[in-house]
Amino acid sequence: MDEKLIMEDDSRQPQIYTVDGNPNFSCYARTSRNLVMMPKQKQPERDCHKVFTVITLILVFIILACLVLSTTYLIQLRYEFGKIKQIPVEKTAHANRLGAAQSVKLPTVAAHIIGKRSLRNSRTLQWEASKGNAFTSGVRYKHGSLIIDEIGHFAIYSKIYFRGEKCKPGTIFWQNVFKRTSVYRGDIVLMISRSTLYCSEKEEPWSRNSFQTGIFKLSKGDHIYVNVSDPNLVSFDQFYTFLGLHKI
């Protein structure tokens, strides 16, 4: 049985024939049945570590550069702020005076005077210049007239409230705003408002508002006053009858 195994084993090996009668087979290496596989070489991890290290160093450098720049900017701001604080007080006060001079507003030139009943039966209305809602600023009031103290363009308004106990058809009521000036002999009409009264069949109390406004160029010394058709038909309540102007 051993001979048989030996024969089977020998039959699996290649037959070798000798030349010149050299039976020594030791110089020939027997080929192993199982081939030894060489392990594959793994990708070295050192390259990944190098790339990661380089990226980390770049990021660190960028962060350090940003910190340096921000610190430099803060130092510069502190230096500029210190220079501002070192400005002499006199220069600052002088600058404040200049700024205040530039922002100073001119005094208001305006007036609003309210109706005032007069004992004189004159068509030129008299006014109250200091009571109630009345005031004058940069303008004077005297004997029913507003007197202009400086040249300029003025907006003038006049409101007269007419009323009566009995309505009479065809009654005409009017108000005129005049300007008296030293340049001309006669007075100059600035505005005119006229209305005709229409009544129902019954003779009952009536009332009408007359309002007018306009913009005019006035000179120093000009007088502004109002004439009406009948002072007895005027209500002198301060909320109904008034005259005013303001410089624009």
Protein backbone atom coordinates (compact mmCIF):
# COMPACT_ATOMS: atom_id res chain seq x y z
CA MET A 1 0.00 0.00 0.00
CA ASP A 2 2.88 2.32 0.69
CA GLU A 3 4.32 1.54 -2.66
CA LYS A 4 1.08 2.51 -4.22
CA LEU A 5 1.04 5.88 -2.42
CA ILE A 6 4.59 6.48 -3.40
CA MET A 7 3.78 5.69 -6.98
CA GLU A 8 0.76 8.05 -6.95
CA ASP A 9 2.86 10.82 -5.51
CA ASP A 10 5.58 10.27 -8.01
CA SER A 11 3.11 10.27 -10.83
CA ARG A 12 2.00 13.78 -9.88
CA GLN A 13 5.51 15.15 -10.20
CA PRO A 14 6.95 15.87 -13.63
CA GLN A 15 9.21 13.23 -15.06
CA ILE A 16 12.83 14.26 -15.14
CA TYR A 17 15.26 12.48 -17.37
CA THR A 18 18.95 12.70 -16.73
CA VAL A 19 21.69 13.04 -19.26
CA ASP A 20 25.14 11.64 -18.86
CA GLY A 21 23.97 9.43 -16.06
CA ASN A 22 23.78 12.08 -13.34
CA PRO A 23 21.12 10.79 -10.98
CA ASN A 24 21.51 13.65 -8.49
CA PHE A 25 18.22 15.50 -8.41
CA SER A 26 19.07 17.67 -5.48
CA CYS A 27 20.10 20.56 -7.69
CA TYR A 28 16.57 20.87 -8.97
CA ALA A 29 14.14 22.45 -6.60
CA ARG A 30 10.79 20.86 -6.28
CA THR A 31 7.99 23.14 -7.21
CA SER A 32 5.51 23.68 -4.41
CA ARG A 33 1.96 22.85 -5.11
CA ASN A 34 0.51 25.92 -3.40
CA LEU A 35 1.49 29.27 -4.87
CA VAL A 36 2.21 31.93 -2.27
CA MET A 37 0.30 35.19 -3.06
CA MET A 38 2.21 38.40 -2.33
CA PRO A 39 0.14 40.85 -0.24
CA LYS A 40 -0.97 44.02 -1.97
CA GLN A 41 0.80 47.16 -0.90
CA LYS A 42 -1.53 49.50 1.05
CA GLN A 43 -1.79 53.22 0.16
CA PRO A 44 0.50 54.96 2.58
CA GLU A 45 -1.37 57.06 5.12
CA ARG A 46 1.44 59.54 5.38
CA ASP A 47 0.22 61.47 2.32
CA CYS A 48 -3.21 62.12 3.92
CA HIS A 49 -1.58 63.28 7.11
CA LYS A 50 0.61 65.67 5.18
CA VAL A 51 -2.35 67.18 3.31
CA PHE A 52 -4.34 67.60 6.53
CA THR A 53 -1.36 69.22 8.23
CA VAL A 54 -0.86 71.69 5.38
CA ILE A 55 -4.56 72.69 5.36
CA THR A 56 -4.53 73.16 9.14
CA LEU A 57 -1.45 75.35 8.94
CA ILE A 58 -3.05 77.52 6.23
CA LEU A 59 -6.22 78.00 8.30
CA VAL A 60 -4.20 78.89 11.38
CA PHE A 61 -2.22 81.42 9.35
CA ILE A 62 -5.40 83.04 8.02
CA ILE A 63 -6.88 83.30 11.54
CA LEU A 64 -3.67 84.84 12.89
CA ALA A 65 -3.58 87.33 10.01
CA CYS A 66 -7.20 88.40 10.72
CA LEU A 67 -6.40 88.86 14.40
CA VAL A 68 -3.37 90.97 13.58
CA LEU A 69 -5.33 93.17 11.15
CA SER A 70 -8.23 93.69 13.58
CA THR A 71 -5.83 94.56 16.40
CA THR A 72 -4.05 97.05 14.18
CA TYR A 73 -7.39 98.65 13.20
CA LEU A 74 -8.46 98.98 16.85
CA ILE A 75 -5.15 100.59 17.74
CA GLN A 76 -5.57 103.07 14.89
CA LEU A 77 -9.10 103.94 16.07
CA ARG A 78 -7.87 104.55 19.60
CA TYR A 79 -5.14 106.80 18.24
CA GLU A 80 -7.62 108.85 16.19
CA PHE A 81 -10.01 109.10 19.15
CA GLY A 82 -7.16 110.34 21.33
CA LYS A 83 -6.35 113.06 18.78
CA ILE A 84 -9.97 114.19 18.79
CA LYS A 85 -10.00 114.44 22.59
CA GLN A 86 -6.87 116.57 22.45
CA ILE A 87 -8.58 119.35 20.44
CA PRO A 88 -8.39 122.57 22.45
CA VAL A 89 -11.55 123.66 24.20
CA GLU A 90 -11.35 127.09 22.55
CA LYS A 91 -11.47 125.63 19.07
CA THR A 92 -14.43 123.47 20.03
CA ALA A 93 -16.27 126.44 21.51
CA HIS A 94 -15.50 128.48 18.40
CA ALA A 95 -16.83 125.71 16.17
CA ASN A 96 -19.94 125.50 18.30
CA ARG A 97 -20.46 129.22 17.95
CA LEU A 98 -20.10 128.98 14.19
CA GLY A 99 -22.55 126.07 14.05
CA ALA A 100 -24.99 127.92 16.26
CA ALA A 101 -24.69 131.01 14.08
CA GLN A 102 -25.49 128.96 11.00
CA SER A 103 -28.50 127.28 12.61
CA VAL A 104 -30.02 130.44 14.10
CA LYS A 105 -33.42 131.08 12.59
CA LEU A 106 -34.59 134.53 11.73
CA PRO A 107 -37.37 135.91 13.94
CA THR A 108 -40.89 135.19 12.79
CA VAL A 109 -42.63 138.05 11.01
CA ALA A 110 -46.35 137.44 11.40
CA ALA A 111 -49.54 138.83 12.90
CA HIS A 112 -53.04 137.65 13.72
CA ILE A 113 -55.51 140.24 14.99
CA ILE A 114 -59.14 139.69 15.96
CA GLY A 115 -62.33 141.70 15.58
CA LYS A 116 -63.04 144.56 17.95
CA ARG A 117 -66.21 146.58 18.19
CA SER A 118 -65.70 150.31 17.72
CA LEU A 119 -67.87 153.23 18.73
CA ARG A 120 -67.00 154.99 15.53
CA ASN A 121 -69.31 154.23 12.64
CA SER A 122 -66.42 153.79 10.23
CA ARG A 123 -66.12 151.29 7.42
CA THR A 124 -62.51 150.70 8.41
CA LEU A 125 -62.53 147.92 11.00
CA GLN A 126 -60.69 148.16 14.31
CA TRP A 127 -58.85 145.16 15.74
CA GLU A 128 -57.56 143.67 18.95
CA ALA A 129 -53.79 142.95 18.66
CA SER A 130 -52.82 141.53 22.06
CA LYS A 131 -55.76 139.71 23.68
CA GLY A 132 -57.19 136.25 23.06
CA ASN A 133 -55.64 134.63 19.99
CA ALA A 134 -54.20 137.93 18.74
CA PHE A 135 -50.45 138.58 18.46
CA THR A 136 -47.94 140.58 16.42
CA SER A 137 -44.30 139.61 15.73
CA GLY A 138 -42.10 141.79 13.53
CA VAL A 139 -45.25 143.72 12.57
CA ARG A 140 -46.90 146.67 14.33
CA TYR A 141 -50.57 147.47 14.78
CA LYS A 142 -51.90 151.02 14.87
CA HIS A 143 -55.36 152.51 14.31
CA GLY A 144 -56.85 149.58 12.44
CA SER A 145 -53.75 148.86 10.29
CA LEU A 146 -50.92 146.37 10.33
CA ILE A 147 -47.67 148.24 9.62
CA ILE A 148 -44.86 146.39 7.81
CA ASP A 149 -41.32 146.90 9.16
CA GLU A 150 -39.34 145.10 6.46
CA ILE A 151 -39.68 144.39 2.78
CA GLY A 152 -40.71 140.95 1.57
CA HIS A 153 -43.49 138.75 0.26
CA PHE A 154 -46.41 138.28 2.64
CA ALA A 155 -49.41 135.99 2.72
CA ILE A 156 -52.44 138.04 3.80
CA TYR A 157 -55.80 136.61 4.88
CA SER A 158 -59.03 138.26 6.00
CA LYS A 159 -62.25 136.68 7.30
CA ILE A 160 -65.40 138.66 8.10
CA TYR A 161 -68.57 137.16 9.56
CA PHE A 162 -71.72 139.05 8.53
CA ARG A 163 -75.06 138.49 10.22
CA GLY A 164 -78.45 140.20 10.63
CA GLU A 165 -81.76 139.88 12.45
CA LYS A 166 -83.94 140.12 9.34
CA CYS A 167 -83.06 138.99 5.86
CA LYS A 168 -83.67 141.58 3.18
CA PRO A 169 -83.34 140.27 -0.37
CA GLY A 170 -80.82 142.07 -2.54
CA THR A 171 -78.66 143.26 0.36
CA ILE A 172 -75.01 143.55 -0.76
CA PHE A 173 -72.24 142.99 1.73
CA TRP A 174 -68.53 143.21 0.95
CA GLN A 175 -65.05 143.50 2.39
CA ASN A 176 -61.95 145.06 0.78
CA VAL A 177 -58.31 144.71 1.85
CA PHE A 178 -56.28 147.86 1.19
CA LYS A 179 -52.62 148.85 1.21
CA ARG A 180 -51.58 152.39 2.08
CA THR A 181 -48.05 153.29 1.02
CA SER A 182 -45.91 156.39 0.88
CA VAL A 183 -45.06 155.71 -2.75
CA TYR A 184 -48.61 156.47 -4.01
CA ARG A 185 -51.10 159.09 -2.91
CA GLY A 186 -54.16 156.88 -3.03
CA ASP A 187 -54.71 153.57 -1.29
CA ILE A 188 -54.26 150.38 -3.30
CA VAL A 189 -56.86 147.60 -3.30
CA LEU A 190 -55.31 144.19 -2.70
CA MET A 191 -58.42 141.97 -2.43
CA ILE A 192 -62.20 142.36 -2.89
CA SER A 193 -65.01 140.07 -1.78
CA ARG A 194 -68.68 140.89 -2.60
CA SER A 195 -71.87 138.90 -2.07
CA THR A 196 -75.59 139.44 -2.54
CA LEU A 197 -78.04 138.28 0.08
CA TYR A 198 -80.77 135.86 -0.98
CA CYS A 199 -83.63 135.27 1.44
CA SER A 200 -86.57 132.96 1.80
CA GLU A 201 -90.13 134.26 2.11
CA LYS A 202 -89.75 134.61 5.86
CA GLU A 203 -87.73 137.49 7.29
CA GLU A 204 -85.53 135.42 9.58
CA PRO A 205 -81.97 135.85 10.96
CA TRP A 206 -79.16 135.20 8.49
CA SER A 207 -75.35 134.91 8.47
CA ARG A 208 -72.63 134.72 5.83
CA ASN A 209 -68.86 134.20 5.89
CA SER A 210 -66.57 136.25 3.66
CA PHE A 211 -62.98 134.97 3.36
CA GLN A 212 -60.11 135.93 1.07
CA THR A 213 -56.36 135.42 0.96
CA GLY A 214 -53.43 136.24 -1.29
CA ILE A 215 -49.65 136.77 -1.51
CA PHE A 216 -48.27 140.26 -2.04
CA LYS A 217 -44.95 142.05 -2.03
CA LEU A 218 -44.88 144.68 0.70
CA SER A 219 -42.39 147.39 1.56
CA LYS A 220 -41.33 148.89 4.84
CA GLY A 221 -43.96 151.30 6.14
CA ASP A 222 -46.90 149.84 4.23
CA HIS A 223 -50.25 149.81 6.07
CA ILE A 224 -52.74 146.95 5.66
CA TYR A 225 -56.36 147.50 6.67
CA VAL A 226 -59.90 146.26 5.90
CA ASN A 227 -63.07 148.13 4.91
CA VAL A 228 -66.56 146.59 5.03
CA SER A 229 -69.94 147.56 3.62
CA ASP A 230 -71.61 147.96 7.04
CA PRO A 231 -69.78 147.50 10.38
CA ASN A 232 -73.15 146.99 12.10
CA LEU A 233 -73.57 143.69 10.25
CA VAL A 234 -70.18 142.33 11.42
CA SER A 235 -69.83 139.85 14.28
CA PHE A 236 -66.65 140.70 16.22
CA ASP A 237 -66.21 137.31 17.85
CA GLN A 238 -62.49 136.36 17.66
CA PHE A 239 -63.28 133.00 16.04
CA TYR A 240 -65.42 134.53 13.28
CA THR A 241 -63.73 137.80 12.29
CA PHE A 242 -59.94 138.21 12.03
CA LEU A 243 -57.10 139.57 9.89
CA GLY A 244 -53.58 138.19 9.60
CA LEU A 245 -50.39 137.95 7.57
CA HIS A 246 -47.00 136.24 7.65
CA LYS A 247 -43.80 136.68 5.74
CA ILE A 248 -42.83 133.84 3.39
